[in-house]
PDB file of N, CA and C in Angstrom:
ATOM      1  N   UNK A   1      41.338 -45.856 -58.887  1.00  0.00           N
ATOM      2  CA  UNK A   1      42.732 -46.017 -59.260  1.00  0.00           C
ATOM      3  C   UNK A   1      42.793 -46.628 -60.656  1.00  0.00           C
ATOM      4  N   UNK A   2      43.598 -46.046 -61.492  1.00  0.00           N
ATOM      5  CA  UNK A   2      43.803 -46.602 -62.828  1.00  0.00           C
ATOM      6  C   UNK A   2      44.791 -47.763 -62.737  1.00  0.00           C
ATOM      7  N   UNK A   3      44.696 -48.657 -63.716  1.00  0.00           N
ATOM      8  CA  UNK A   3      45.647 -49.767 -63.729  1.00  0.00           C
ATOM      9  C   UNK A   3      45.916 -50.195 -65.167  1.00  0.00           C
ATOM     10  N   UNK A   4      46.956 -50.972 -65.314  1.00  0.00           N
ATOM     11  CA  UNK A   4      47.329 -51.540 -66.612  1.00  0.00           C
ATOM     12  C   UNK A   4      46.911 -53.001 -66.709  1.00  0.00           C
ATOM     13  N   UNK A   5      46.012 -53.439 -65.829  1.00  0.00           N
ATOM     14  CA  UNK A   5      45.655 -54.862 -65.781  1.00  0.00           C
ATOM     15  C   UNK A   5      45.095 -55.346 -67.114  1.00  0.00           C
ATOM     16  N   UNK A   6      44.172 -54.601 -67.700  1.00  0.00           N
ATOM     17  CA  UNK A   6      43.596 -55.040 -68.983  1.00  0.00           C
ATOM     18  C   UNK A   6      44.687 -55.191 -70.034  1.00  0.00           C
ATOM     19  N   UNK A   7      45.552 -54.198 -70.143  1.00  0.00           N
ATOM     20  CA  UNK A   7      46.654 -54.254 -71.122  1.00  0.00           C
ATOM     21  C   UNK A   7      47.516 -55.494 -70.903  1.00  0.00           C
ATOM     22  N   UNK A   8      47.898 -55.737 -69.661  1.00  0.00           N
ATOM     23  CA  UNK A   8      48.760 -56.880 -69.356  1.00  0.00           C
ATOM     24  C   UNK A   8      48.027 -58.198 -69.579  1.00  0.00           C
ATOM     25  N   UNK A   9      46.773 -58.271 -69.165  1.00  0.00           N
ATOM     26  CA  UNK A   9      45.979 -59.492 -69.354  1.00  0.00           C
ATOM     27  C   UNK A   9      45.879 -59.831 -70.836  1.00  0.00           C
ATOM     28  N   UNK A  10      45.596 -58.835 -71.654  1.00  0.00           N
ATOM     29  CA  UNK A  10      45.482 -59.065 -73.092  1.00  0.00           C
ATOM     30  C   UNK A  10      46.827 -59.462 -73.697  1.00  0.00           C
ATOM     31  N   UNK A  11      47.901 -58.882 -73.211  1.00  0.00           N
ATOM     32  CA  UNK A  11      49.241 -59.232 -73.691  1.00  0.00           C
ATOM     33  C   UNK A  11      49.539 -60.708 -73.426  1.00  0.00           C
ATOM     34  N   UNK A  12      49.059 -61.218 -72.281  1.00  0.00           N
ATOM     35  CA  UNK A  12      49.267 -62.615 -71.923  1.00  0.00           C
ATOM     36  C   UNK A  12      48.242 -63.529 -72.613  1.00  0.00           C
ATOM     37  N   UNK A  13      47.234 -62.935 -73.255  1.00  0.00           N
ATOM     38  CA  UNK A  13      46.235 -63.728 -73.955  1.00  0.00           C
ATOM     39  C   UNK A  13      45.208 -64.375 -73.053  1.00  0.00           C
ATOM     40  N   UNK A  14      44.971 -63.776 -71.881  1.00  0.00           N
ATOM     41  CA  UNK A  14      44.042 -64.347 -70.918  1.00  0.00           C
ATOM     42  C   UNK A  14      42.710 -63.616 -70.943  1.00  0.00           C
ATOM     43  N   UNK A  15      41.632 -64.362 -70.732  1.00  0.00           N
ATOM     44  CA  UNK A  15      40.322 -63.751 -70.535  1.00  0.00           C
ATOM     45  C   UNK A  15      40.244 -63.235 -69.099  1.00  0.00           C
ATOM     46  N   UNK A  16      39.218 -62.463 -68.810  1.00  0.00           N
ATOM     47  CA  UNK A  16      39.021 -62.018 -67.429  1.00  0.00           C
ATOM     48  C   UNK A  16      38.842 -63.222 -66.513  1.00  0.00           C
ATOM     49  N   UNK A  17      38.117 -64.230 -66.989  1.00  0.00           N
ATOM     50  CA  UNK A  17      37.905 -65.438 -66.189  1.00  0.00           C
ATOM     51  C   UNK A  17      39.194 -66.173 -65.887  1.00  0.00           C
ATOM     52  N   UNK A  18      40.074 -66.272 -66.893  1.00  0.00           N
ATOM     53  CA  UNK A  18      41.366 -66.945 -66.680  1.00  0.00           C
ATOM     54  C   UNK A  18      42.219 -66.186 -65.675  1.00  0.00           C
ATOM     55  N   UNK A  19      42.247 -64.861 -65.795  1.00  0.00           N
ATOM     56  CA  UNK A  19      43.012 -64.071 -64.833  1.00  0.00           C
ATOM     57  C   UNK A  19      42.422 -64.222 -63.437  1.00  0.00           C
ATOM     58  N   UNK A  20      41.109 -64.206 -63.347  1.00  0.00           N
ATOM     59  CA  UNK A  20      40.444 -64.361 -62.053  1.00  0.00           C
ATOM     60  C   UNK A  20      40.855 -65.682 -61.386  1.00  0.00           C
ATOM     61  N   UNK A  21      40.886 -66.755 -62.158  1.00  0.00           N
ATOM     62  CA  UNK A  21      41.299 -68.053 -61.613  1.00  0.00           C
ATOM     63  C   UNK A  21      42.730 -68.005 -61.104  1.00  0.00           C
ATOM     64  N   UNK A  22      43.607 -67.386 -61.863  1.00  0.00           N
ATOM     65  CA  UNK A  22      45.023 -67.305 -61.475  1.00  0.00           C
ATOM     66  C   UNK A  22      45.217 -66.472 -60.203  1.00  0.00           C
ATOM     67  N   UNK A  23      44.326 -65.489 -60.000  1.00  0.00           N
ATOM     68  CA  UNK A  23      44.434 -64.611 -58.826  1.00  0.00           C
ATOM     69  C   UNK A  23      43.551 -65.079 -57.668  1.00  0.00           C
ATOM     70  N   UNK A  24      42.726 -66.093 -57.915  1.00  0.00           N
ATOM     71  CA  UNK A  24      41.788 -66.610 -56.910  1.00  0.00           C
ATOM     72  C   UNK A  24      40.794 -65.529 -56.479  1.00  0.00           C
ATOM     73  N   UNK A  25      40.242 -64.842 -57.484  1.00  0.00           N
ATOM     74  CA  UNK A  25      39.190 -63.847 -57.265  1.00  0.00           C
ATOM     75  C   UNK A  25      38.095 -64.103 -58.294  1.00  0.00           C
ATOM     76  N   UNK A  26      36.997 -63.378 -58.206  1.00  0.00           N
ATOM     77  CA  UNK A  26      35.920 -63.530 -59.182  1.00  0.00           C
ATOM     78  C   UNK A  26      36.236 -62.747 -60.453  1.00  0.00           C
ATOM     79  N   UNK A  27      35.566 -63.127 -61.548  1.00  0.00           N
ATOM     80  CA  UNK A  27      35.712 -62.377 -62.787  1.00  0.00           C
ATOM     81  C   UNK A  27      35.218 -60.948 -62.598  1.00  0.00           C
ATOM     82  N   UNK A  28      34.196 -60.775 -61.758  1.00  0.00           N
ATOM     83  CA  UNK A  28      33.675 -59.440 -61.481  1.00  0.00           C
ATOM     84  C   UNK A  28      34.737 -58.564 -60.805  1.00  0.00           C
ATOM     85  N   UNK A  29      35.555 -59.166 -59.958  1.00  0.00           N
ATOM     86  CA  UNK A  29      36.640 -58.417 -59.315  1.00  0.00           C
ATOM     87  C   UNK A  29      37.656 -57.962 -60.351  1.00  0.00           C
ATOM     88  N   UNK A  30      38.005 -58.845 -61.277  1.00  0.00           N
ATOM     89  CA  UNK A  30      38.942 -58.467 -62.343  1.00  0.00           C
ATOM     90  C   UNK A  30      38.357 -57.320 -63.161  1.00  0.00           C
ATOM     91  N   UNK A  31      37.088 -57.417 -63.510  1.00  0.00           N
ATOM     92  CA  UNK A  31      36.445 -56.354 -64.271  1.00  0.00           C
ATOM     93  C   UNK A  31      36.479 -55.041 -63.504  1.00  0.00           C
ATOM     94  N   UNK A  32      36.178 -55.086 -62.203  1.00  0.00           N
ATOM     95  CA  UNK A  32      36.184 -53.871 -61.387  1.00  0.00           C
ATOM     96  C   UNK A  32      37.590 -53.280 -61.275  1.00  0.00           C
ATOM     97  N   UNK A  33      38.604 -54.127 -61.188  1.00  0.00           N
ATOM     98  CA  UNK A  33      39.988 -53.639 -61.166  1.00  0.00           C
ATOM     99  C   UNK A  33      40.333 -52.961 -62.484  1.00  0.00           C
ATOM    100  N   UNK A  34      39.938 -53.581 -63.592  1.00  0.00           N
ATOM    101  CA  UNK A  34      40.264 -53.036 -64.908  1.00  0.00           C
ATOM    102  C   UNK A  34      39.564 -51.707 -65.179  1.00  0.00           C
ATOM    103  N   UNK A  35      38.370 -51.539 -64.648  1.00  0.00           N
ATOM    104  CA  UNK A  35      37.612 -50.314 -64.903  1.00  0.00           C
ATOM    105  C   UNK A  35      37.811 -49.256 -63.830  1.00  0.00           C
ATOM    106  N   UNK A  36      38.653 -49.540 -62.832  1.00  0.00           N
ATOM    107  CA  UNK A  36      38.942 -48.560 -61.792  1.00  0.00           C
ATOM    108  C   UNK A  36      37.841 -48.411 -60.759  1.00  0.00           C
ATOM    109  N   UNK A  37      36.916 -49.368 -60.705  1.00  0.00           N
ATOM    110  CA  UNK A  37      35.817 -49.301 -59.737  1.00  0.00           C
ATOM    111  C   UNK A  37      36.180 -49.944 -58.407  1.00  0.00           C
ATOM    112  N   UNK A  38      37.352 -50.580 -58.344  1.00  0.00           N
ATOM    113  CA  UNK A  38      37.760 -51.296 -57.132  1.00  0.00           C
ATOM    114  C   UNK A  38      39.261 -51.137 -56.968  1.00  0.00           C
ATOM    115  N   UNK A  39      39.677 -50.702 -55.806  1.00  0.00           N
ATOM    116  CA  UNK A  39      41.099 -50.631 -55.479  1.00  0.00           C
ATOM    117  C   UNK A  39      41.472 -51.922 -54.761  1.00  0.00           C
ATOM    118  N   UNK A  40      42.512 -52.598 -55.207  1.00  0.00           N
ATOM    119  CA  UNK A  40      42.855 -53.890 -54.623  1.00  0.00           C
ATOM    120  C   UNK A  40      43.434 -53.748 -53.216  1.00  0.00           C
ATOM    121  N   UNK A  41      43.267 -54.814 -52.456  1.00  0.00           N
ATOM    122  CA  UNK A  41      43.976 -54.896 -51.176  1.00  0.00           C
ATOM    123  C   UNK A  41      45.462 -55.030 -51.491  1.00  0.00           C
ATOM    124  N   UNK A  42      46.290 -54.770 -50.510  1.00  0.00           N
ATOM    125  CA  UNK A  42      47.729 -54.902 -50.731  1.00  0.00           C
ATOM    126  C   UNK A  42      48.120 -56.333 -51.098  1.00  0.00           C
ATOM    127  N   UNK A  43      47.581 -57.361 -50.409  1.00  0.00           N
ATOM    128  CA  UNK A  43      47.924 -58.734 -50.821  1.00  0.00           C
ATOM    129  C   UNK A  43      47.522 -59.030 -52.270  1.00  0.00           C
ATOM    130  N   UNK A  44      46.360 -58.544 -52.707  1.00  0.00           N
ATOM    131  CA  UNK A  44      45.937 -58.778 -54.083  1.00  0.00           C
ATOM    132  C   UNK A  44      46.844 -58.013 -55.052  1.00  0.00           C
ATOM    133  N   UNK A  45      47.203 -56.799 -54.720  1.00  0.00           N
ATOM    134  CA  UNK A  45      48.111 -56.022 -55.572  1.00  0.00           C
ATOM    135  C   UNK A  45      49.442 -56.747 -55.740  1.00  0.00           C
ATOM    136  N   UNK A  46      49.957 -57.351 -54.667  1.00  0.00           N
ATOM    137  CA  UNK A  46      51.199 -58.115 -54.772  1.00  0.00           C
ATOM    138  C   UNK A  46      51.019 -59.344 -55.654  1.00  0.00           C
ATOM    139  N   UNK A  47      49.880 -60.047 -55.545  1.00  0.00           N
ATOM    140  CA  UNK A  47      49.630 -61.216 -56.392  1.00  0.00           C
ATOM    141  C   UNK A  47      49.585 -60.820 -57.864  1.00  0.00           C
ATOM    142  N   UNK A  48      48.926 -59.703 -58.158  1.00  0.00           N
ATOM    143  CA  UNK A  48      48.853 -59.208 -59.538  1.00  0.00           C
ATOM    144  C   UNK A  48      50.257 -58.902 -60.048  1.00  0.00           C
ATOM    145  N   UNK A  49      51.025 -58.182 -59.260  1.00  0.00           N
ATOM    146  CA  UNK A  49      52.380 -57.800 -59.667  1.00  0.00           C
ATOM    147  C   UNK A  49      53.255 -59.023 -59.911  1.00  0.00           C
ATOM    148  N   UNK A  50      53.213 -59.995 -59.006  1.00  0.00           N
ATOM    149  CA  UNK A  50      54.015 -61.212 -59.181  1.00  0.00           C
ATOM    150  C   UNK A  50      53.598 -61.970 -60.435  1.00  0.00           C
ATOM    151  N   UNK A  51      52.293 -62.074 -60.652  1.00  0.00           N
ATOM    152  CA  UNK A  51      51.787 -62.819 -61.792  1.00  0.00           C
ATOM    153  C   UNK A  51      52.284 -62.226 -63.108  1.00  0.00           C
ATOM    154  N   UNK A  52      52.288 -60.905 -63.208  1.00  0.00           N
ATOM    155  CA  UNK A  52      52.701 -60.250 -64.442  1.00  0.00           C
ATOM    156  C   UNK A  52      54.190 -59.919 -64.469  1.00  0.00           C
ATOM    157  N   UNK A  53      54.918 -60.166 -63.391  1.00  0.00           N
ATOM    158  CA  UNK A  53      56.349 -59.878 -63.370  1.00  0.00           C
ATOM    159  C   UNK A  53      56.659 -58.401 -63.417  1.00  0.00           C
ATOM    160  N   UNK A  54      55.805 -57.596 -62.802  1.00  0.00           N
ATOM    161  CA  UNK A  54      55.962 -56.137 -62.781  1.00  0.00           C
ATOM    162  C   UNK A  54      55.914 -55.668 -61.329  1.00  0.00           C
ATOM    163  N   UNK A  55      56.274 -54.422 -61.105  1.00  0.00           N
ATOM    164  CA  UNK A  55      56.125 -53.850 -59.774  1.00  0.00           C
ATOM    165  C   UNK A  55      54.694 -53.354 -59.607  1.00  0.00           C
ATOM    166  N   UNK A  56      54.266 -53.234 -58.374  1.00  0.00           N
ATOM    167  CA  UNK A  56      52.932 -52.694 -58.101  1.00  0.00           C
ATOM    168  C   UNK A  56      52.800 -51.311 -58.717  1.00  0.00           C
ATOM    169  N   UNK A  57      53.830 -50.502 -58.573  1.00  0.00           N
ATOM    170  CA  UNK A  57      53.790 -49.131 -59.084  1.00  0.00           C
ATOM    171  C   UNK A  57      53.677 -49.073 -60.604  1.00  0.00           C
ATOM    172  N   UNK A  58      54.160 -50.104 -61.291  1.00  0.00           N
ATOM    173  CA  UNK A  58      54.075 -50.141 -62.747  1.00  0.00           C
ATOM    174  C   UNK A  58      52.695 -50.575 -63.235  1.00  0.00           C
ATOM    175  N   UNK A  59      51.908 -51.174 -62.351  1.00  0.00           N
ATOM    176  CA  UNK A  59      50.581 -51.668 -62.728  1.00  0.00           C
ATOM    177  C   UNK A  59      49.471 -50.745 -62.256  1.00  0.00           C
ATOM    178  N   UNK A  60      49.555 -50.298 -61.016  1.00  0.00           N
ATOM    179  CA  UNK A  60      48.506 -49.463 -60.430  1.00  0.00           C
ATOM    180  C   UNK A  60      48.964 -48.013 -60.426  1.00  0.00           C
ATOM    181  N   UNK A  61      48.161 -47.148 -61.051  1.00  0.00           N
ATOM    182  CA  UNK A  61      48.546 -45.768 -61.273  1.00  0.00           C
ATOM    183  C   UNK A  61      47.563 -44.827 -60.603  1.00  0.00           C
ATOM    184  N   UNK A  62      48.035 -43.719 -60.058  1.00  0.00           N
ATOM    185  CA  UNK A  62      47.101 -42.723 -59.524  1.00  0.00           C
ATOM    186  C   UNK A  62      46.138 -42.283 -60.618  1.00  0.00           C
ATOM    187  N   UNK A  63      44.905 -42.009 -60.258  1.00  0.00           N
ATOM    188  CA  UNK A  63      43.881 -41.608 -61.234  1.00  0.00           C
ATOM    189  C   UNK A  63      44.380 -40.498 -62.144  1.00  0.00           C
ATOM    190  N   UNK A  64      44.201 -40.691 -63.447  1.00  0.00           N
ATOM    191  CA  UNK A  64      44.524 -39.662 -64.421  1.00  0.00           C
ATOM    192  C   UNK A  64      45.988 -39.513 -64.736  1.00  0.00           C
ATOM    193  N   UNK A  65      46.846 -40.380 -64.225  1.00  0.00           N
ATOM    194  CA  UNK A  65      48.280 -40.259 -64.466  1.00  0.00           C
ATOM    195  C   UNK A  65      48.779 -41.461 -65.246  1.00  0.00           C
ATOM    196  N   UNK A  66      48.956 -41.320 -66.556  1.00  0.00           N
ATOM    197  CA  UNK A  66      49.486 -42.437 -67.348  1.00  0.00           C
ATOM    198  C   UNK A  66      50.924 -42.735 -66.952  1.00  0.00           C
ATOM    199  N   UNK A  67      51.380 -43.967 -67.206  1.00  0.00           N
ATOM    200  CA  UNK A  67      52.779 -44.307 -66.881  1.00  0.00           C
ATOM    201  C   UNK A  67      53.732 -43.488 -67.727  1.00  0.00           C
ATOM    202  N   UNK A  68      54.884 -43.183 -67.156  1.00  0.00           N
ATOM    203  CA  UNK A  68      55.915 -42.458 -67.882  1.00  0.00           C
ATOM    204  C   UNK A  68      56.830 -43.440 -68.585  1.00  0.00           C
ATOM    205  N   UNK A  69      57.375 -43.040 -69.698  1.00  0.00           N
ATOM    206  CA  UNK A  69      58.318 -43.906 -70.417  1.00  0.00           C
ATOM    207  C   UNK A  69      59.492 -44.218 -69.512  1.00  0.00           C
ATOM    208  N   UNK A  70      59.857 -45.492 -69.473  1.00  0.00           N
ATOM    209  CA  UNK A  70      60.982 -45.912 -68.659  1.00  0.00           C
ATOM    210  C   UNK A  70      60.613 -46.279 -67.243  1.00  0.00           C
ATOM    211  N   UNK A  71      59.361 -46.052 -66.860  1.00  0.00           N
ATOM    212  CA  UNK A  71      58.938 -46.433 -65.508  1.00  0.00           C
ATOM    213  C   UNK A  71      58.697 -47.919 -65.421  1.00  0.00           C
TER     214      UNK A  71
END
């Protein structure tokens, strides 16, 4: 699954380690989420969405489908 986590993390000025601490996961988990090697559990997806103030659908994207303008 593709995601906008890296983009959002960088926008907030956080390292992978800082984001991991905020989400209570390992830095390796953040890296795997950013590279599409790990699909988050629903509770983790909600934590990510709340942290960035976005909807789950705006952060996690089906493989190969970039977000549409206005989404």
